[in-house]
C-alpha atoms as a PDB file:
ATOM      1  CA  MET A   1     -98.523 -70.966 205.175  1.00  0.00           C
ATOM      2  CA  VAL A   2     -96.580 -69.757 208.224  1.00  0.00           C
ATOM      3  CA  VAL A   3     -98.660 -68.479 211.119  1.00  0.00           C
ATOM      4  CA  ASN A   4     -97.687 -65.105 212.570  1.00  0.00           C
ATOM      5  CA  ARG A   5     -96.033 -65.892 215.919  1.00  0.00           C
ATOM      6  CA  ARG A   6     -96.494 -62.364 217.220  1.00  0.00           C
ATOM      7  CA  ALA A   7    -100.224 -62.806 217.607  1.00  0.00           C
ATOM      8  CA  GLN A   8    -102.361 -65.831 218.349  1.00  0.00           C
ATOM      9  CA  PRO A   9    -104.483 -66.630 215.277  1.00  0.00           C
ATOM     10  CA  ARG A  10    -108.154 -66.169 216.025  1.00  0.00           C
ATOM     11  CA  VAL A  11    -111.492 -65.492 214.384  1.00  0.00           C
ATOM     12  CA  LYS A  12    -114.049 -63.448 216.318  1.00  0.00           C
ATOM     13  CA  PRO A  13    -117.308 -61.654 215.486  1.00  0.00           C
ATOM     14  CA  LEU A  14    -117.436 -57.869 215.469  1.00  0.00           C
ATOM     15  CA  LYS A  15    -119.822 -56.221 217.914  1.00  0.00           C
ATOM     16  CA  SER A  16    -122.918 -54.048 217.356  1.00  0.00           C
ATOM     17  CA  HIS A  17    -123.606 -55.743 214.110  1.00  0.00           C
ATOM     18  CA  LYS A  18    -125.749 -58.398 212.440  1.00  0.00           C
ATOM     19  CA  SER A  19    -126.844 -58.714 208.808  1.00  0.00           C
ATOM     20  CA  LYS A  20    -128.918 -61.304 207.016  1.00  0.00           C
ATOM     21  CA  GLN A  21    -126.489 -61.677 204.109  1.00  0.00           C
ATOM     22  CA  GLY A  22    -123.624 -59.217 203.652  1.00  0.00           C
ATOM     23  CA  THR A  23    -122.327 -58.775 200.097  1.00  0.00           C
ATOM     24  CA  ASN A  24    -119.362 -57.063 198.402  1.00  0.00           C
ATOM     25  CA  LEU A  25    -117.373 -56.188 201.537  1.00  0.00           C
ATOM     26  CA  PHE A  26    -115.008 -53.234 200.963  1.00  0.00           C
ATOM     27  CA  PHE A  27    -112.510 -51.912 203.548  1.00  0.00           C
ATOM     28  CA  ALA A  28    -111.007 -48.399 203.461  1.00  0.00           C
ATOM     29  CA  ASN A  29    -109.575 -46.169 206.221  1.00  0.00           C
ATOM     30  CA  GLY A  30    -110.864 -48.244 209.105  1.00  0.00           C
ATOM     31  CA  ILE A  31    -114.361 -48.529 207.610  1.00  0.00           C
ATOM     32  CA  LEU A  32    -116.233 -51.531 206.222  1.00  0.00           C
ATOM     33  CA  TYR A  33    -118.740 -50.822 203.468  1.00  0.00           C
ATOM     34  CA  TYR A  34    -121.175 -53.499 202.356  1.00  0.00           C
ATOM     35  CA  ALA A  35    -124.753 -54.250 201.404  1.00  0.00           C
ATOM     36  CA  ASP A  36    -127.218 -56.493 203.205  1.00  0.00           C
ATOM     37  CA  ALA A  37    -128.897 -57.741 200.049  1.00  0.00           C
ATOM     38  CA  PRO A  38    -132.051 -59.491 201.377  1.00  0.00           C
ATOM     39  CA  VAL A  39    -132.827 -56.650 203.809  1.00  0.00           C
ATOM     40  CA  LYS A  40    -132.305 -54.018 201.064  1.00  0.00           C
ATOM     41  CA  LYS A  41    -129.822 -51.782 202.832  1.00  0.00           C
ATOM     42  CA  VAL A  42    -126.212 -50.583 202.663  1.00  0.00           C
ATOM     43  CA  VAL A  43    -124.039 -50.132 205.736  1.00  0.00           C
ATOM     44  CA  LYS A  44    -121.006 -48.071 206.735  1.00  0.00           C
ATOM     45  CA  TYR A  45    -119.354 -49.704 209.750  1.00  0.00           C
ATOM     46  CA  SER A  46    -116.430 -48.522 211.898  1.00  0.00           C
ATOM     47  CA  VAL A  47    -114.129 -51.444 212.661  1.00  0.00           C
ATOM     48  CA  ASP A  48    -112.217 -49.508 215.333  1.00  0.00           C
ATOM     49  CA  ASP A  49    -115.361 -48.443 217.193  1.00  0.00           C
ATOM     50  CA  GLN A  50    -117.239 -51.620 216.234  1.00  0.00           C
ATOM     51  CA  ASP A  51    -120.332 -49.582 215.541  1.00  0.00           C
ATOM     52  CA  ILE A  52    -122.554 -48.768 212.573  1.00  0.00           C
ATOM     53  CA  LEU A  53    -121.955 -45.215 211.325  1.00  0.00           C
ATOM     54  CA  SER A  54    -124.636 -45.073 208.648  1.00  0.00           C
ATOM     55  CA  THR A  55    -127.423 -47.207 207.196  1.00  0.00           C
ATOM     56  CA  VAL A  56    -129.407 -46.511 204.031  1.00  0.00           C
ATOM     57  CA  TYR A  57    -132.487 -48.577 203.189  1.00  0.00           C
ATOM     58  CA  THR A  58    -133.569 -49.088 199.584  1.00  0.00           C
ATOM     59  CA  LYS A  59    -136.789 -50.168 197.885  1.00  0.00           C
ATOM     60  CA  ARG A  60    -135.119 -52.954 195.902  1.00  0.00           C
ATOM     61  CA  ARG A  61    -132.236 -55.356 196.511  1.00  0.00           C
ATOM     62  CA  SER A  62    -128.935 -53.641 197.302  1.00  0.00           C
ATOM     63  CA  SER A  63    -125.673 -55.394 196.549  1.00  0.00           C
ATOM     64  CA  LEU A  64    -122.807 -52.913 196.886  1.00  0.00           C
ATOM     65  CA  ALA A  65    -121.526 -49.709 198.481  1.00  0.00           C
ATOM     66  CA  ILE A  66    -118.098 -48.667 197.161  1.00  0.00           C
ATOM     67  CA  PRO A  67    -116.325 -45.383 198.030  1.00  0.00           C
ATOM     68  CA  VAL A  68    -115.527 -42.998 195.180  1.00  0.00           C
ATOM     69  CA  TYR A  69    -112.015 -41.889 194.219  1.00  0.00           C
ATOM     70  CA  LYS A  70    -110.930 -38.631 195.859  1.00  0.00           C
ATOM     71  CA  HIS A  71    -110.484 -36.863 192.496  1.00  0.00           C
ATOM     72  CA  SER A  72    -113.947 -37.790 191.248  1.00  0.00           C
ATOM     73  CA  LYS A  73    -116.240 -35.082 189.885  1.00  0.00           C
ATOM     74  CA  LEU A  74    -119.531 -35.229 191.762  1.00  0.00           C
ATOM     75  CA  PRO A  75    -122.624 -33.029 192.025  1.00  0.00           C
ATOM     76  CA  PRO A  76    -121.950 -29.960 194.237  1.00  0.00           C
ATOM     77  CA  ASN A  77    -124.269 -31.216 196.991  1.00  0.00           C
ATOM     78  CA  MET A  78    -122.197 -34.387 197.510  1.00  0.00           C
ATOM     79  CA  ASN A  79    -119.094 -34.768 199.668  1.00  0.00           C
ATOM     80  CA  ILE A  80    -116.430 -37.086 198.233  1.00  0.00           C
ATOM     81  CA  GLU A  81    -115.413 -38.368 201.684  1.00  0.00           C
ATOM     82  CA  SER A  82    -118.920 -39.620 202.481  1.00  0.00           C
ATOM     83  CA  THR A  83    -120.216 -40.588 199.024  1.00  0.00           C
ATOM     84  CA  VAL A  84    -120.421 -44.159 197.746  1.00  0.00           C
ATOM     85  CA  LEU A  85    -121.531 -45.841 194.564  1.00  0.00           C
ATOM     86  CA  MET A  86    -124.398 -48.155 195.463  1.00  0.00           C
ATOM     87  CA  SER A  87    -127.000 -50.260 193.721  1.00  0.00           C
ATOM     88  CA  GLU A  88    -130.754 -50.578 194.047  1.00  0.00           C
ATOM     89  CA  GLY A  89    -132.022 -53.428 191.932  1.00  0.00           C
ATOM     90  CA  ALA A  90    -130.440 -52.803 188.521  1.00  0.00           C
ATOM     91  CA  GLN A  91    -129.998 -49.080 189.240  1.00  0.00           C
ATOM     92  CA  LEU A  92    -126.512 -47.700 189.947  1.00  0.00           C
ATOM     93  CA  LYS A  93    -126.518 -44.467 191.922  1.00  0.00           C
ATOM     94  CA  LEU A  94    -124.402 -42.158 194.049  1.00  0.00           C
ATOM     95  CA  MET A  95    -125.328 -41.726 197.706  1.00  0.00           C
ATOM     96  CA  ASP A  96    -123.884 -39.312 200.254  1.00  0.00           C
ATOM     97  CA  LEU A  97    -124.144 -41.390 203.429  1.00  0.00           C
ATOM     98  CA  GLU A  98    -124.079 -38.295 205.663  1.00  0.00           C
ATOM     99  CA  THR A  99    -126.554 -35.975 203.945  1.00  0.00           C
ATOM    100  CA  LYS A 100    -128.501 -38.772 202.176  1.00  0.00           C
ATOM    101  CA  SER A 101    -128.243 -36.790 198.921  1.00  0.00           C
ATOM    102  CA  GLU A 102    -128.435 -39.148 195.967  1.00  0.00           C
ATOM    103  CA  LYS A 103    -128.107 -39.150 192.202  1.00  0.00           C
ATOM    104  CA  ASP A 104    -129.163 -41.896 189.807  1.00  0.00           C
ATOM    105  CA  LEU A 105    -126.412 -42.769 187.327  1.00  0.00           C
ATOM    106  CA  ILE A 106    -127.864 -45.450 185.092  1.00  0.00           C
ATOM    107  CA  LEU A 107    -130.541 -48.130 185.030  1.00  0.00           C
ATOM    108  CA  VAL A 108    -128.673 -51.136 183.684  1.00  0.00           C
ATOM    109  CA  ASP A 109    -131.835 -53.155 182.995  1.00  0.00           C
ATOM    110  CA  ASP A 110    -135.460 -52.125 183.425  1.00  0.00           C
ATOM    111  CA  ALA A 111    -136.721 -55.661 184.082  1.00  0.00           C
ATOM    112  CA  GLU A 112    -138.098 -55.997 187.616  1.00  0.00           C
ATOM    113  CA  GLU A 113    -136.379 -59.347 188.199  1.00  0.00           C
ATOM    114  CA  VAL A 114    -132.872 -58.117 187.283  1.00  0.00           C
ATOM    115  CA  SER A 115    -130.453 -56.913 189.961  1.00  0.00           C
ATOM    116  CA  ILE A 116    -126.777 -56.055 190.326  1.00  0.00           C
ATOM    117  CA  GLY A 117    -124.681 -58.908 191.758  1.00  0.00           C
ATOM    118  CA  ALA A 118    -120.950 -59.123 192.457  1.00  0.00           C
ATOM    119  CA  ALA A 119    -118.583 -56.204 191.787  1.00  0.00           C
ATOM    120  CA  ALA A 120    -114.846 -55.436 191.564  1.00  0.00           C
ATOM    121  CA  THR A 121    -112.995 -52.222 190.718  1.00  0.00           C
ATOM    122  CA  HIS A 122    -110.186 -52.058 188.147  1.00  0.00           C
ATOM    123  CA  GLN A 123    -107.062 -50.001 188.924  1.00  0.00           C
ATOM    124  CA  THR A 124    -108.318 -47.269 186.558  1.00  0.00           C
ATOM    125  CA  GLY A 125    -111.444 -46.856 188.704  1.00  0.00           C
ATOM    126  CA  THR A 126    -113.657 -48.715 186.216  1.00  0.00           C
ATOM    127  CA  LEU A 127    -116.324 -50.800 187.947  1.00  0.00           C
ATOM    128  CA  PHE A 128    -116.836 -54.375 186.744  1.00  0.00           C
ATOM    129  CA  PHE A 129    -120.054 -55.972 187.915  1.00  0.00           C
ATOM    130  CA  SER A 130    -122.552 -58.709 187.181  1.00  0.00           C
ATOM    131  CA  THR A 131    -126.286 -58.664 186.678  1.00  0.00           C
ATOM    132  CA  ILE A 132    -128.377 -61.529 188.035  1.00  0.00           C
ATOM    133  CA  GLN A 133    -131.942 -62.807 187.714  1.00  0.00           C
ATOM    134  CA  LEU A 134    -134.190 -62.925 190.781  1.00  0.00           C
ATOM    135  CA  ASP A 135    -137.389 -64.787 191.572  1.00  0.00           C
ATOM    136  CA  LYS A 136    -139.161 -63.437 194.662  1.00  0.00           C
ATOM    137  CA  GLY A 137    -135.832 -62.164 195.939  1.00  0.00           C
ATOM    138  CA  THR A 138    -133.984 -65.451 195.360  1.00  0.00           C
ATOM    139  CA  VAL A 139    -131.152 -65.709 192.828  1.00  0.00           C
ATOM    140  CA  GLU A 140    -132.172 -67.809 189.822  1.00  0.00           C
ATOM    141  CA  GLU A 141    -128.799 -69.382 189.068  1.00  0.00           C
ATOM    142  CA  SER A 142    -130.001 -71.308 186.010  1.00  0.00           C
ATOM    143  CA  HIS A 143    -131.190 -68.105 184.295  1.00  0.00           C
ATOM    144  CA  GLY A 144    -127.701 -66.697 183.966  1.00  0.00           C
ATOM    145  CA  GLY A 145    -126.865 -63.018 183.841  1.00  0.00           C
ATOM    146  CA  SER A 146    -124.309 -60.651 182.340  1.00  0.00           C
ATOM    147  CA  LEU A 147    -120.864 -59.272 183.073  1.00  0.00           C
ATOM    148  CA  CYS A 148    -120.694 -55.499 182.584  1.00  0.00           C
ATOM    149  CA  CYS A 149    -118.457 -52.537 183.297  1.00  0.00           C
ATOM    150  CA  MET A 150    -119.172 -48.904 184.109  1.00  0.00           C
ATOM    151  CA  ARG A 151    -116.801 -46.184 182.923  1.00  0.00           C
ATOM    152  CA  ARG A 152    -116.132 -43.067 184.966  1.00  0.00           C
ATOM    153  CA  SER A 153    -118.677 -41.161 182.854  1.00  0.00           C
ATOM    154  CA  GLY A 154    -121.415 -43.532 184.008  1.00  0.00           C
ATOM    155  CA  LYS A 155    -121.628 -45.330 180.661  1.00  0.00           C
ATOM    156  CA  VAL A 156    -122.219 -49.076 181.015  1.00  0.00           C
ATOM    157  CA  THR A 157    -120.908 -51.681 178.575  1.00  0.00           C
ATOM    158  CA  LYS A 158    -122.173 -55.259 178.536  1.00  0.00           C
ATOM    159  CA  LEU A 159    -119.226 -57.628 178.109  1.00  0.00           C
ATOM    160  CA  PHE A 160    -120.639 -61.157 178.250  1.00  0.00           C
ATOM    161  CA  ASP A 161    -123.982 -62.907 178.676  1.00  0.00           C
ATOM    162  CA  GLY A 162    -124.676 -66.238 180.324  1.00  0.00           C
ATOM    163  CA  LEU A 163    -122.797 -65.663 183.594  1.00  0.00           C
ATOM    164  CA  CYS A 164    -124.499 -65.807 187.002  1.00  0.00           C
ATOM    165  CA  VAL A 165    -122.175 -64.160 189.552  1.00  0.00           C
ATOM    166  CA  PRO A 166    -124.207 -63.037 192.593  1.00  0.00           C
ATOM    167  CA  ASP A 167    -121.076 -62.938 194.761  1.00  0.00           C
ATOM    168  CA  GLY A 168    -117.419 -63.622 194.029  1.00  0.00           C
ATOM    169  CA  LEU A 169    -115.594 -61.287 191.614  1.00  0.00           C
ATOM    170  CA  CYS A 170    -112.012 -60.018 191.980  1.00  0.00           C
ATOM    171  CA  PHE A 171    -108.906 -58.899 190.070  1.00  0.00           C
ATOM    172  CA  ASN A 172    -105.365 -60.113 190.473  1.00  0.00           C
ATOM    173  CA  GLY A 173    -102.655 -57.621 191.489  1.00  0.00           C
ATOM    174  CA  ASP A 174    -102.008 -55.931 188.148  1.00  0.00           C
ATOM    175  CA  CYS A 175    -105.633 -56.246 186.989  1.00  0.00           C
ATOM    176  CA  THR A 176    -104.731 -58.470 184.041  1.00  0.00           C
ATOM    177  CA  ARG A 177    -107.041 -61.260 185.196  1.00  0.00           C
ATOM    178  CA  LEU A 178    -110.595 -61.105 186.496  1.00  0.00           C
ATOM    179  CA  PHE A 179    -111.786 -64.094 188.527  1.00  0.00           C
ATOM    180  CA  ALA A 180    -115.459 -64.935 188.967  1.00  0.00           C
ATOM    181  CA  MET A 181    -117.430 -67.697 190.660  1.00  0.00           C
ATOM    182  CA  GLU A 182    -120.115 -68.568 188.116  1.00  0.00           C
ATOM    183  CA  ARG A 183    -122.957 -70.129 190.072  1.00  0.00           C
ATOM    184  CA  GLY A 184    -125.048 -71.429 187.174  1.00  0.00           C
ATOM    185  CA  GLU A 185    -122.464 -74.083 186.302  1.00  0.00           C
ATOM    186  CA  ASN A 186    -120.632 -73.811 189.638  1.00  0.00           C
ATOM    187  CA  HIS A 187    -117.379 -72.933 187.878  1.00  0.00           C
ATOM    188  CA  LEU A 188    -114.484 -70.728 188.924  1.00  0.00           C
ATOM    189  CA  VAL A 189    -113.629 -68.842 185.728  1.00  0.00           C
ATOM    190  CA  CYS A 190    -111.053 -66.258 184.703  1.00  0.00           C
ATOM    191  CA  SER A 191    -111.018 -63.565 181.996  1.00  0.00           C
ATOM    192  CA  LYS A 192    -107.746 -62.058 180.773  1.00  0.00           C
ATOM    193  CA  LEU A 193    -107.459 -58.313 180.192  1.00  0.00           C
ATOM    194  CA  ASP A 194    -105.013 -56.171 178.255  1.00  0.00           C
ATOM    195  CA  ASP A 195    -104.981 -52.448 177.472  1.00  0.00           C
ATOM    196  CA  LEU A 196    -107.747 -52.710 174.899  1.00  0.00           C
ATOM    197  CA  SER A 197    -109.946 -55.707 175.471  1.00  0.00           C
ATOM    198  CA  ILE A 198    -111.204 -58.439 177.775  1.00  0.00           C
ATOM    199  CA  ALA A 199    -111.166 -62.075 176.706  1.00  0.00           C
ATOM    200  CA  GLY A 200    -113.976 -64.529 177.256  1.00  0.00           C
ATOM    201  CA  PRO A 201    -114.024 -66.438 180.552  1.00  0.00           C
ATOM    202  CA  GLU A 202    -111.933 -69.609 180.794  1.00  0.00           C
ATOM    203  CA  LEU A 203    -112.589 -72.483 183.176  1.00  0.00           C
ATOM    204  CA  VAL A 204    -110.234 -72.647 186.164  1.00  0.00           C
ATOM    205  CA  VAL A 205    -112.001 -75.088 188.519  1.00  0.00           C
ATOM    206  CA  ASP A 206    -115.144 -77.155 187.973  1.00  0.00           C
ATOM    207  CA  TRP A 207    -116.526 -77.080 191.519  1.00  0.00           C
ATOM    208  CA  ASN A 208    -119.027 -79.852 190.730  1.00  0.00           C
ATOM    209  CA  LYS A 209    -116.464 -82.386 189.530  1.00  0.00           C
ATOM    210  CA  SER A 210    -113.331 -81.340 191.434  1.00  0.00           C
ATOM    211  CA  PRO A 211    -114.173 -79.023 194.341  1.00  0.00           C
ATOM    212  CA  LEU A 212    -111.137 -77.764 196.213  1.00  0.00           C
ATOM    213  CA  LEU A 213    -113.218 -78.026 199.386  1.00  0.00           C
ATOM    214  CA  PRO A 214    -115.957 -80.708 199.174  1.00  0.00           C
ATOM    215  CA  LYS A 215    -119.565 -80.048 200.196  1.00  0.00           C
ATOM    216  CA  THR A 216    -119.230 -76.284 199.855  1.00  0.00           C
ATOM    217  CA  VAL A 217    -120.596 -73.404 197.803  1.00  0.00           C
ATOM    218  CA  VAL A 218    -118.091 -70.646 197.060  1.00  0.00           C
ATOM    219  CA  ARG A 219    -119.342 -67.116 197.745  1.00  0.00           C
ATOM    220  CA  GLY A 220    -116.901 -64.224 198.030  1.00  0.00           C
ATOM    221  CA  LEU A 221    -113.476 -63.946 196.371  1.00  0.00           C
ATOM    222  CA  THR A 222    -110.492 -61.716 197.131  1.00  0.00           C
ATOM    223  CA  MET A 223    -106.749 -61.658 196.364  1.00  0.00           C
ATOM    224  CA  ASP A 224    -103.654 -61.228 198.551  1.00  0.00           C
ATOM    225  CA  ILE A 225    -100.380 -59.473 197.655  1.00  0.00           C
ATOM    226  CA  ASP A 226     -98.890 -62.762 196.417  1.00  0.00           C
ATOM    227  CA  ASP A 227    -101.785 -63.235 193.991  1.00  0.00           C
ATOM    228  CA  ARG A 228    -103.192 -66.103 196.016  1.00  0.00           C
ATOM    229  CA  LEU A 229    -106.945 -66.352 195.700  1.00  0.00           C
ATOM    230  CA  TRP A 230    -109.081 -66.387 198.847  1.00  0.00           C
ATOM    231  CA  MET A 231    -112.599 -67.794 199.015  1.00  0.00           C
ATOM    232  CA  CYS A 232    -115.285 -67.995 201.656  1.00  0.00           C
ATOM    233  CA  CYS A 233    -117.096 -71.317 201.454  1.00  0.00           C
ATOM    234  CA  SER A 234    -120.633 -71.906 202.680  1.00  0.00           C
ATOM    235  CA  GLY A 235    -121.649 -75.311 203.958  1.00  0.00           C
ATOM    236  CA  GLU A 236    -118.389 -75.974 205.793  1.00  0.00           C
ATOM    237  CA  GLY A 237    -118.017 -72.393 207.023  1.00  0.00           C
ATOM    238  CA  LYS A 238    -114.385 -71.987 205.992  1.00  0.00           C
ATOM    239  CA  ILE A 239    -112.126 -69.331 204.501  1.00  0.00           C
ATOM    240  CA  ILE A 240    -109.527 -70.845 202.185  1.00  0.00           C
ATOM    241  CA  GLN A 241    -106.383 -69.619 200.455  1.00  0.00           C
ATOM    242  CA  VAL A 242    -105.850 -71.186 197.028  1.00  0.00           C
ATOM    243  CA  ASP A 243    -102.946 -71.623 194.629  1.00  0.00           C
ATOM    244  CA  VAL A 244    -104.906 -71.179 191.401  1.00  0.00           C
ATOM    245  CA  GLU A 245    -102.188 -72.535 189.112  1.00  0.00           C
ATOM    246  CA  LYS A 246    -101.771 -75.759 191.095  1.00  0.00           C
ATOM    247  CA  LYS A 247    -105.459 -75.919 192.077  1.00  0.00           C
ATOM    248  CA  ARG A 248    -104.486 -76.568 195.670  1.00  0.00           C
ATOM    249  CA  VAL A 249    -105.751 -75.279 199.029  1.00  0.00           C
ATOM    250  CA  LEU A 250    -102.886 -73.693 200.983  1.00  0.00           C
ATOM    251  CA  LEU A 251    -104.718 -72.680 204.151  1.00  0.00           C
ATOM    252  CA  GLU A 252    -108.105 -73.278 205.776  1.00  0.00           C
ATOM    253  CA  ILE A 253    -109.532 -70.955 208.429  1.00  0.00           C
ATOM    254  CA  PRO A 254    -112.728 -72.230 210.105  1.00  0.00           C
ATOM    255  CA  ALA A 255    -115.404 -69.679 210.939  1.00  0.00           C
ATOM    256  CA  PRO A 256    -116.576 -70.378 214.509  1.00  0.00           C
ATOM    257  CA  LYS A 257    -120.269 -71.226 214.864  1.00  0.00           C
ATOM    258  CA  ALA A 258    -121.134 -69.886 211.396  1.00  0.00           C
ATOM    259  CA  ARG A 259    -121.350 -72.269 208.458  1.00  0.00           C
ATOM    260  CA  GLU A 260    -122.925 -69.973 205.856  1.00  0.00           C
ATOM    261  CA  LEU A 261    -120.546 -67.283 204.532  1.00  0.00           C
ATOM    262  CA  SER A 262    -121.335 -64.726 201.828  1.00  0.00           C
ATOM    263  CA  SER A 263    -118.457 -62.263 201.259  1.00  0.00           C
ATOM    264  CA  LEU A 264    -114.907 -61.450 202.360  1.00  0.00           C
ATOM    265  CA  CYS A 265    -112.180 -58.827 202.034  1.00  0.00           C
ATOM    266  CA  PHE A 266    -108.835 -57.843 203.523  1.00  0.00           C
ATOM    267  CA  GLY A 267    -108.604 -54.918 205.922  1.00  0.00           C
ATOM    268  CA  GLY A 268    -107.167 -53.678 209.180  1.00  0.00           C
ATOM    269  CA  PRO A 269    -103.595 -52.364 209.648  1.00  0.00           C
ATOM    270  CA  GLU A 270    -101.622 -52.916 206.422  1.00  0.00           C
ATOM    271  CA  TYR A 271    -104.519 -55.099 205.232  1.00  0.00           C
ATOM    272  CA  ARG A 272    -103.303 -58.007 207.370  1.00  0.00           C
ATOM    273  CA  GLU A 273    -106.747 -58.983 208.654  1.00  0.00           C
ATOM    274  CA  ILE A 274    -109.562 -60.811 206.901  1.00  0.00           C
ATOM    275  CA  PHE A 275    -113.200 -59.798 207.260  1.00  0.00           C
ATOM    276  CA  VAL A 276    -115.898 -62.260 206.269  1.00  0.00           C
ATOM    277  CA  ALA A 277    -119.677 -61.882 206.311  1.00  0.00           C
ATOM    278  CA  SER A 278    -121.630 -64.795 207.731  1.00  0.00           C
ATOM    279  CA  SER A 279    -125.252 -65.262 206.731  1.00  0.00           C
ATOM    280  CA  TYR A 280    -128.468 -66.460 208.336  1.00  0.00           C
ATOM    281  CA  ALA A 281    -130.621 -65.993 205.227  1.00  0.00           C
ATOM    282  CA  ALA A 282    -131.561 -69.663 204.773  1.00  0.00           C
ATOM    283  CA  LEU A 283    -131.182 -70.986 208.318  1.00  0.00           C
ATOM    284  CA  THR A 284    -133.938 -72.600 210.356  1.00  0.00           C
ATOM    285  CA  GLN A 285    -134.540 -71.634 213.976  1.00  0.00           C
ATOM    286  CA  ASP A 286    -132.822 -74.817 215.111  1.00  0.00           C
ATOM    287  CA  GLU A 287    -129.770 -74.018 212.976  1.00  0.00           C
ATOM    288  CA  LEU A 288    -129.673 -70.481 214.346  1.00  0.00           C
ATOM    289  CA  THR A 289    -129.421 -71.773 217.911  1.00  0.00           C
ATOM    290  CA  LYS A 290    -126.319 -73.748 216.913  1.00  0.00           C
ATOM    291  CA  GLN A 291    -124.746 -71.152 214.637  1.00  0.00           C
ATOM    292  CA  VAL A 292    -124.764 -68.248 217.078  1.00  0.00           C
ATOM    293  CA  ASN A 293    -122.372 -66.160 214.955  1.00  0.00           C
ATOM    294  CA  ALA A 294    -124.571 -66.364 211.865  1.00  0.00           C
ATOM    295  CA  GLY A 295    -125.186 -62.844 210.554  1.00  0.00           C
ATOM    296  CA  HIS A 296    -122.069 -61.340 212.111  1.00  0.00           C
ATOM    297  CA  ILE A 297    -119.021 -59.947 210.374  1.00  0.00           C
ATOM    298  CA  LEU A 298    -116.091 -62.101 211.496  1.00  0.00           C
ATOM    299  CA  ARG A 299    -112.512 -60.853 211.759  1.00  0.00           C
ATOM    300  CA  ALA A 300    -109.540 -63.208 211.315  1.00  0.00           C
ATOM    301  CA  LYS A 301    -106.335 -61.900 212.938  1.00  0.00           C
ATOM    302  CA  GLY A 302    -102.860 -63.243 213.594  1.00  0.00           C
ATOM    303  CA  TYR A 303    -102.341 -65.072 210.313  1.00  0.00           C
ATOM    304  CA  ASP A 304     -99.247 -64.273 208.269  1.00  0.00           C
ATOM    305  CA  VAL A 305    -101.232 -62.886 205.334  1.00  0.00           C
ATOM    306  CA  ARG A 306    -101.602 -59.520 203.670  1.00  0.00           C
ATOM    307  CA  GLY A 307    -104.174 -58.325 201.194  1.00  0.00           C
ATOM    308  CA  ARG A 308    -104.210 -55.563 198.623  1.00  0.00           C
ATOM    309  CA  LYS A 309    -105.768 -52.171 199.131  1.00  0.00           C
ATOM    310  CA  PRO A 310    -108.913 -52.097 196.969  1.00  0.00           C
ATOM    311  CA  PHE A 311    -109.499 -49.451 194.335  1.00  0.00           C
ATOM    312  CA  PRO A 312    -112.347 -46.939 194.766  1.00  0.00           C
ATOM    313  CA  VAL A 313    -114.638 -46.102 191.861  1.00  0.00           C
ATOM    314  CA  MET A 314    -113.748 -43.149 189.648  1.00  0.00           C
ATOM    315  CA  ILE A 315    -116.711 -40.917 188.743  1.00  0.00           C
ATOM    316  CA  GLU A 316    -116.563 -37.951 186.359  1.00  0.00           C
ATOM    317  CA  LEU A 317    -120.062 -36.676 185.738  1.00  0.00           C
ATOM    318  CA  ASN A 318    -120.787 -34.489 182.745  1.00  0.00           C
ATOM    319  CA  SER A 319    -124.344 -33.206 182.790  1.00  0.00           C
ATOM    320  CA  SER A 320    -124.225 -32.342 179.090  1.00  0.00           C
ATOM    321  CA  LYS A 321    -123.906 -35.991 178.113  1.00  0.00           C
ATOM    322  CA  SER A 322    -126.561 -38.616 178.554  1.00  0.00           C
ATOM    323  CA  MET A 323    -125.596 -41.932 180.127  1.00  0.00           C
ATOM    324  CA  LYS A 324    -126.736 -44.937 178.136  1.00  0.00           C
ATOM    325  CA  ALA A 325    -126.047 -48.658 178.273  1.00  0.00           C
ATOM    326  CA  ALA A 326    -124.168 -50.057 175.298  1.00  0.00           C
ATOM    327  CA  GLY A 327    -123.896 -53.604 173.963  1.00  0.00           C
ATOM    328  CA  SER A 328    -120.277 -54.315 173.107  1.00  0.00           C
ATOM    329  CA  THR A 329    -117.789 -57.107 173.722  1.00  0.00           C
ATOM    330  CA  ARG A 330    -114.768 -54.797 173.759  1.00  0.00           C
ATOM    331  CA  LEU A 331    -113.675 -52.455 176.488  1.00  0.00           C
ATOM    332  CA  ALA A 332    -111.202 -49.583 176.521  1.00  0.00           C
ATOM    333  CA  ILE A 333    -109.399 -49.932 179.842  1.00  0.00           C
ATOM    334  CA  GLN A 334    -107.155 -46.913 179.447  1.00  0.00           C
ATOM    335  CA  GLN A 335    -108.112 -43.734 181.273  1.00  0.00           C
ATOM    336  CA  THR A 336    -110.187 -41.263 179.288  1.00  0.00           C
END
């Protein structure tokens, strides 16, 4: 990896901001959207102004806040520019972050201990997401979960059971492969997609036996324009770029004074910056005094990297049709 000589590489925390554990970071038009899962809130944050623009608190665990596609069909009291798809426990809903108008889309699971986990949007606007099991707010990794998708109509299809993916889900450039960090077995897995179906997950890296970065737990995943996978790794507090085919680390970026990381995404001008959420969720007071950047969003600049612009979620509501969850292992990817 060649370092950009035009700017000195650096990683610094953003101002006016601190979250216990940021999840599913999403950058669009100078804005970072994310959820602070343990605190049960979603945040809209201006990177240019380094200030929080909007905060919405929820009654149950929140995990995502993703902007909707500009041609979506929403209720008349919702503005497309300020509306996001968000989660509250296992409930997916629309929320206008300016007016606070909201609309429930679908309850994926009515069990109290089930919550939405990681999420990634396909190029058609279809949302892929995981469900996870909680115990007193803590992810029960051994209890597994499910991989699901939500069509633009709001209909949810369950794809696979037995996957625990609380954070770490992303597509490659042409959306033919979906990568996930399965925390139950601590495996990096990949599912192949074509126009009609999604294949079962295949093992890419066994992080227990052959970790690419020892003594770490992988949290967030994202992809650059060269289809190199990026991970944020807790324990060592590092962001790494990975050649998946060769199973080799190409670049390591240390996070200063923050060893626990929970999510990352590309952003900034031409998506040449990396944003990573650091966490203080499990830190003791003594650890907090040493990890002074814990809880901040960190920005890595000056590296010769470029990410892909993420896809918003496509929503086309039809009040005449009910939205129900379906149990199927096949998925129609084509636009409907």
